[in-house]
Protein backbone atom coordinates (compact mmCIF):
# COMPACT_ATOMS: atom_id res chain seq x y z
CA MET A 1 0.00 0.00 0.00
CA SER A 2 1.15 3.54 -0.69
CA VAL A 3 -0.47 6.85 0.17
CA THR A 4 0.69 9.97 -1.64
CA LYS A 5 -0.18 13.62 -1.12
CA VAL A 6 -1.27 15.18 -4.41
CA SER A 7 -1.78 18.72 -5.63
CA SER A 8 -5.26 20.27 -5.51
CA ALA A 9 -5.43 20.18 -9.31
CA MET A 10 -5.02 16.39 -9.35
CA GLN A 11 -6.70 15.60 -6.05
CA ASP A 12 -9.18 12.73 -5.86
CA LEU A 13 -12.27 14.13 -4.12
CA THR A 14 -12.57 11.23 -1.69
CA ASP A 15 -10.08 12.86 0.67
CA ASP A 16 -6.79 14.76 0.78
CA TYR A 17 -4.81 11.75 -0.37
CA ALA A 18 -4.79 9.51 -3.43
CA PHE A 19 -4.76 5.76 -2.86
CA SER A 20 -2.67 3.35 -4.90
CA GLY A 21 -2.04 -0.34 -4.36
CA THR A 22 -3.96 -2.85 -2.28
CA VAL A 23 -4.22 -4.01 1.30
CA SER A 24 -3.53 -7.70 1.80
CA GLY A 25 -5.55 -9.91 4.11
CA ALA A 26 -2.71 -9.97 6.61
CA GLY A 27 -2.21 -7.32 9.24
CA ASN A 28 -4.62 -4.95 10.94
CA PRO A 29 -4.43 -1.34 9.73
CA GLY A 30 -7.02 -0.22 12.31
CA ARG A 31 -10.78 -0.62 12.66
CA GLY A 32 -11.69 2.72 11.15
CA ILE A 33 -9.27 2.62 8.21
CA ILE A 34 -10.74 3.33 4.79
CA GLY A 35 -9.14 4.57 1.59
CA GLY A 36 -10.34 5.17 -1.96
CA LEU A 37 -13.80 3.70 -2.64
CA ARG A 38 -15.09 7.01 -3.96
CA ILE A 39 -18.79 6.83 -4.89
CA THR A 40 -20.10 8.73 -7.93
CA ASN A 41 -23.12 8.81 -10.21
CA ASP A 42 -22.04 6.82 -13.25
CA GLY A 43 -21.92 8.93 -16.38
CA THR A 44 -23.63 6.38 -18.63
CA ASP A 45 -26.81 6.14 -16.50
CA ALA A 46 -26.45 8.64 -13.66
CA ALA A 47 -30.11 8.25 -12.64
CA HIS A 48 -29.77 4.55 -11.83
CA ASP A 49 -26.10 3.56 -11.55
CA LEU A 50 -23.37 4.32 -9.04
CA GLY A 51 -19.66 3.80 -9.58
CA VAL A 52 -17.36 2.73 -6.75
CA ALA A 53 -13.62 3.27 -7.24
CA VAL A 54 -10.88 0.88 -6.12
CA GLY A 55 -9.90 1.06 -2.49
CA PHE A 56 -9.86 -0.73 0.82
CA ALA A 57 -11.50 -0.77 4.25
CA ARG A 58 -11.43 -2.74 7.47
CA ASP A 59 -14.60 -4.80 7.87
CA TYR A 60 -17.20 -3.94 10.52
CA ALA A 61 -16.20 -6.84 12.79
CA ASP A 62 -12.54 -5.75 12.66
CA ALA A 63 -11.61 -9.22 11.43
CA VAL A 64 -10.36 -8.77 7.86
CA ASN A 65 -9.27 -6.16 5.32
CA LEU A 66 -11.65 -5.69 2.39
CA SER A 67 -9.91 -4.73 -0.84
CA LEU A 68 -11.72 -3.71 -4.03
CA THR A 69 -9.10 -4.13 -6.76
CA GLY A 70 -11.32 -3.21 -9.71
CA ALA A 71 -13.86 -0.39 -9.95
CA LEU A 72 -17.50 -1.45 -9.96
CA ILE A 73 -20.69 -0.01 -11.44
CA LYS A 74 -23.84 -1.14 -9.62
CA ARG A 75 -27.51 -0.54 -10.52
CA ILE A 76 -29.89 0.63 -7.80
CA ASP A 77 -32.93 -0.29 -9.90
CA ALA A 78 -32.13 -4.02 -10.04
CA SER A 79 -31.72 -6.83 -7.53
CA TRP A 80 -28.19 -7.55 -6.41
CA ALA A 81 -26.01 -9.81 -8.56
CA VAL A 82 -22.27 -10.20 -8.31
CA GLY A 83 -20.08 -8.18 -10.67
CA THR A 84 -19.92 -4.82 -12.36
CA ASN A 85 -22.90 -3.42 -14.34
CA ASN A 86 -25.22 -5.70 -12.37
CA GLY A 87 -27.88 -4.89 -9.78
CA GLY A 88 -26.93 -3.71 -6.31
CA LEU A 89 -30.23 -3.57 -4.37
CA ASP A 90 -30.45 -5.98 -1.45
CA THR A 91 -34.22 -6.54 -1.55
CA GLY A 92 -37.45 -5.21 -3.05
CA SER A 93 -37.72 -2.34 -5.52
CA VAL A 94 -36.00 1.02 -5.37
CA GLY A 95 -38.02 3.56 -3.36
CA ALA A 96 -38.85 7.21 -3.98
CA SER A 97 -37.31 9.97 -1.84
CA ALA A 98 -35.28 7.37 0.05
CA LEU A 99 -31.85 7.06 1.61
CA TYR A 100 -29.66 4.01 0.91
CA GLY A 101 -26.51 2.79 2.57
CA VAL A 102 -23.67 1.68 0.30
CA TYR A 103 -21.73 -1.32 1.63
CA LEU A 104 -18.55 -3.07 0.59
CA ILE A 105 -19.26 -6.80 1.05
CA ARG A 106 -17.06 -9.90 0.93
CA ARG A 107 -17.39 -13.67 0.91
CA SER A 108 -15.03 -15.14 3.47
CA ASP A 109 -15.00 -18.50 1.66
CA THR A 110 -13.88 -17.17 -1.74
CA GLY A 111 -12.60 -13.65 -1.03
CA VAL A 112 -14.91 -12.11 -3.68
CA VAL A 113 -15.64 -8.43 -2.93
CA ASP A 114 -18.66 -6.52 -4.24
CA VAL A 115 -21.00 -3.60 -3.41
CA LEU A 116 -24.53 -3.64 -1.97
CA PHE A 117 -27.27 -0.99 -1.54
CA SER A 118 -29.67 -1.20 1.40
CA LEU A 119 -32.26 0.93 3.17
CA ASP A 120 -30.33 -0.04 6.27
CA THR A 121 -27.81 2.76 6.83
CA THR A 122 -26.28 1.46 10.07
CA ALA A 123 -22.69 0.30 10.27
CA ALA A 124 -23.89 -3.04 11.66
CA LEU A 125 -26.14 -3.77 8.63
CA ALA A 126 -28.61 -5.15 11.15
CA THR A 127 -31.78 -5.04 9.05
CA GLY A 128 -30.40 -5.24 5.51
CA THR A 129 -30.41 -8.43 3.44
CA LYS A 130 -26.90 -9.68 2.72
CA PRO A 131 -26.40 -11.95 -0.32
CA THR A 132 -25.83 -15.62 0.49
CA ASN A 133 -22.33 -16.30 1.87
CA TYR A 134 -21.39 -12.60 1.96
CA ASP A 135 -20.61 -12.50 5.66
CA GLN A 136 -18.18 -9.56 5.88
CA TRP A 137 -19.03 -5.94 5.18
CA ARG A 138 -18.30 -2.26 5.76
CA LEU A 139 -20.54 0.78 5.37
CA ILE A 140 -18.67 3.01 2.89
CA GLY A 141 -21.21 5.63 1.87
CA LEU A 142 -24.77 6.57 1.02
CA CYS A 143 -26.99 7.76 -1.78
CA TRP A 144 -30.41 9.35 -2.12
CA THR A 145 -33.31 8.91 -4.54
CA ASN A 146 -35.70 11.65 -5.62
CA GLY A 147 -39.48 11.60 -5.97
CA SER A 148 -39.19 9.64 -9.23
CA SER A 149 -37.06 6.90 -7.63
CA ASN A 150 -34.02 8.09 -9.56
CA LEU A 151 -30.65 8.66 -7.93
CA SER A 152 -30.01 12.21 -6.77
CA PRO A 153 -26.81 13.71 -8.19
CA MET A 154 -24.15 14.02 -5.51
CA LEU A 155 -20.49 14.66 -4.78
CA GLN A 156 -18.37 12.90 -2.16
CA THR A 157 -15.25 14.12 -0.42
CA GLY A 158 -14.12 11.81 2.38
CA ASP A 159 -16.99 11.40 4.86
CA VAL A 160 -19.00 14.28 3.36
CA PHE A 161 -21.76 13.56 0.83
CA GLN A 162 -23.22 16.61 -0.91
CA LYS A 163 -26.65 16.38 -2.57
CA LEU A 164 -26.95 18.39 -5.77
CA ASP A 165 -30.74 18.48 -5.77
CA TYR A 166 -33.33 19.36 -3.14
CA VAL A 167 -35.99 17.02 -1.73
CA ALA A 168 -37.79 18.19 1.41
CA ASP A 169 -37.83 15.94 4.46
CA LEU A 170 -40.48 18.13 6.10
CA ASN A 171 -43.34 20.39 5.01
CA ASP A 172 -45.14 21.80 8.06
CA ASN A 173 -47.97 24.32 7.76
CA THR A 174 -49.43 23.60 11.21
CA ILE A 175 -46.67 24.99 13.38
CA SER A 176 -46.94 24.66 17.14
CA ASN A 177 -45.58 28.03 18.23
CA GLU A 178 -42.36 27.94 20.23
CA THR A 179 -42.57 24.18 20.62
CA TRP A 180 -39.75 21.82 19.74
CA GLU A 181 -41.06 19.32 17.19
CA THR A 182 -39.31 16.19 15.94
CA VAL A 183 -38.56 15.31 12.32
CA THR A 184 -36.77 12.29 10.85
CA ILE A 185 -34.29 13.32 8.19
CA ARG A 186 -32.67 11.29 5.43
CA CYS A 187 -29.26 10.71 6.92
CA PRO A 188 -27.52 7.84 8.73
CA PRO A 189 -27.68 7.58 12.52
CA PHE A 190 -25.34 9.99 14.34
CA CYS A 191 -24.53 11.95 11.19
CA VAL A 192 -23.89 15.68 11.19
CA ALA A 193 -26.41 17.10 8.74
CA ASN A 194 -26.30 20.42 6.91
CA ILE A 195 -29.96 21.44 6.62
CA ILE A 196 -31.61 23.84 4.19
CA GLY A 197 -34.49 25.52 6.03
CA ARG A 198 -37.28 27.48 4.36
CA GLN A 199 -39.92 29.50 6.15
CA TYR A 200 -42.58 31.37 4.21
CA ASN A 201 -46.06 32.83 4.40
CA GLY A 202 -48.64 30.42 2.98
CA GLY A 203 -51.73 32.07 4.43
CA GLY A 204 -52.31 35.49 2.87
CA SER A 205 -51.34 39.04 3.72
CA GLY A 206 -50.09 39.98 7.12
CA GLY A 207 -48.76 36.57 8.00
CA TYR A 208 -45.24 36.39 9.32
CA GLY A 209 -43.04 34.13 11.38
CA HIS A 210 -39.65 34.17 12.97
CA HIS A 211 -37.28 32.14 15.13
CA LEU A 212 -36.85 29.13 12.88
CA ASP A 213 -34.27 27.10 14.80
CA LEU A 214 -32.87 23.56 14.88
CA GLN A 215 -31.20 21.42 17.50
CA THR A 216 -30.17 17.84 18.14
CA LYS A 217 -33.04 15.71 19.43
CA GLY A 218 -33.23 16.11 23.20
CA GLY A 219 -31.48 19.49 23.27
CA THR A 220 -32.33 21.93 26.05
CA LYS A 221 -32.64 25.29 24.29
CA THR A 222 -35.55 27.46 25.45
CA ALA A 223 -37.60 29.92 23.43
CA SER A 224 -35.56 32.83 24.77
CA GLU A 225 -32.35 31.14 23.60
CA GLU A 226 -33.51 30.58 20.02
CA THR A 227 -31.60 32.17 17.18
CA ALA A 228 -33.70 34.32 14.85
CA MET A 229 -32.83 32.43 11.68
CA SER A 230 -35.44 34.18 9.53
CA ASN A 231 -38.23 36.74 9.53
CA VAL A 232 -41.16 36.29 7.16
CA ASN A 233 -43.57 39.21 6.72
CA GLY A 234 -46.57 38.82 4.41
CA GLY A 235 -47.07 42.56 3.98
CA GLY A 236 -49.96 42.05 1.58
CA ALA A 237 -48.17 39.42 -0.50
CA ALA A 238 -50.28 36.80 -2.26
CA SER A 239 -50.78 33.47 -0.54
CA GLY A 240 -47.98 31.00 -1.07
CA VAL A 241 -45.39 33.53 -2.23
CA MET A 242 -41.90 32.76 -0.90
CA ILE A 243 -40.89 35.74 1.20
CA ASP A 244 -37.64 34.64 2.73
CA THR A 245 -35.35 31.63 2.57
CA VAL A 246 -32.98 30.36 5.23
CA ASN A 247 -30.02 28.37 4.01
CA SER A 248 -27.38 26.25 5.68
CA LEU A 249 -28.56 25.66 9.21
CA ASN A 250 -25.29 23.91 9.77
CA HIS A 251 -23.95 21.05 11.85
CA ILE A 252 -27.00 19.50 13.45
CA MET A 253 -26.26 15.99 14.70
CA ALA A 254 -29.02 13.42 14.21
CA ASN A 255 -29.61 10.81 16.90
CA ALA A 256 -29.70 7.02 16.56
CA ASP A 257 -33.18 7.30 15.00
CA LYS A 258 -32.06 9.93 12.46
CA GLN A 259 -34.06 12.64 14.24
CA ILE A 260 -33.53 16.34 14.89
CA GLU A 261 -35.84 18.99 16.38
CA TYR A 262 -37.10 22.28 14.95
CA ASN A 263 -38.86 25.24 16.52
CA ALA A 264 -40.70 28.05 14.76
CA ARG A 265 -43.08 30.89 15.54
CA GLU A 266 -45.88 32.44 13.50
CA HIS A 267 -48.09 35.51 13.91
CA ASN A 268 -51.18 36.00 11.75
CA GLY A 269 -51.69 34.06 8.54
CA THR A 270 -50.03 30.65 8.16
CA THR A 271 -46.29 30.32 8.25
CA GLU A 272 -44.92 27.15 6.63
CA VAL A 273 -41.60 25.49 7.38
CA GLN A 274 -39.70 23.24 4.99
CA LEU A 275 -36.51 21.35 5.85
CA GLY A 276 -34.27 19.30 3.60
CA ILE A 277 -30.78 17.80 3.52
CA SER A 278 -28.03 19.72 1.76
CA SER A 279 -25.10 17.53 2.80
CA VAL A 280 -24.14 14.91 5.38
CA ASN A 281 -20.94 14.36 7.31
CA MET A 282 -21.16 10.58 7.65
CA LEU A 283 -19.30 9.91 10.90
CA THR A 284 -20.07 6.17 10.83
CA ARG A 285 -18.13 5.79 7.57
CA SER A 286 -14.73 6.31 9.14
CA ASN A 287 -15.79 5.44 12.70
CA PRO A 288 -17.99 2.33 12.38
């Protein structure tokens, strides 16, 4: 194995270092070690196929090194079958507006390494369906689908996965004023999510809201400690007109159930809140 620092012009976007070579089955490089394995939308069919670059990772059980020596292209719209250009989905049909974990998997009896997609996004792959005899694995990334069950375009750099489209995880037009409410977002457990928040007047003139705020589930902020993230004032505007947009409500950690909390206030009219993922720092990728 060799690891070489490269210039920014040549840098592979997976991290600050380019990977070359392989990791043999002998030796223990460390439970969290991972290199290469960059995940991209494949250029031939970006709406349905993901490419995974060569690389290596320690398996979840910390028992063996998994080495992908040839890049793979896997289809999310087809059931899993071994090899490149074949299906990658563990079970069922691809869902709309969903989040999928991307796993490097290996057969301990033959040493064959492949890639699997699952709605399970935990490092333990506790609820996913592993192919027969594939008894070693490592969570290496994630991907999203949009409302048409097509893959969202994305970029990956290390543990960070950036969505290039927008799909809302929440649309709330019945706000409970100054009350922390829970929403499940499309990220892995214990991720740090970068949230796009939108608050706007959906109920006619004179409606306005303020104090759109987020926190980790179970946080202890009070109404007086909220940050005024936006102010929406209808001012005679027509119903449903976007008045103000809040972007990048950064670094909110989701809990084990992928939940965060939000808090908003409205006065007159109907203030609506919309939340969606912009990017995810996937802590369980390098710290399984």
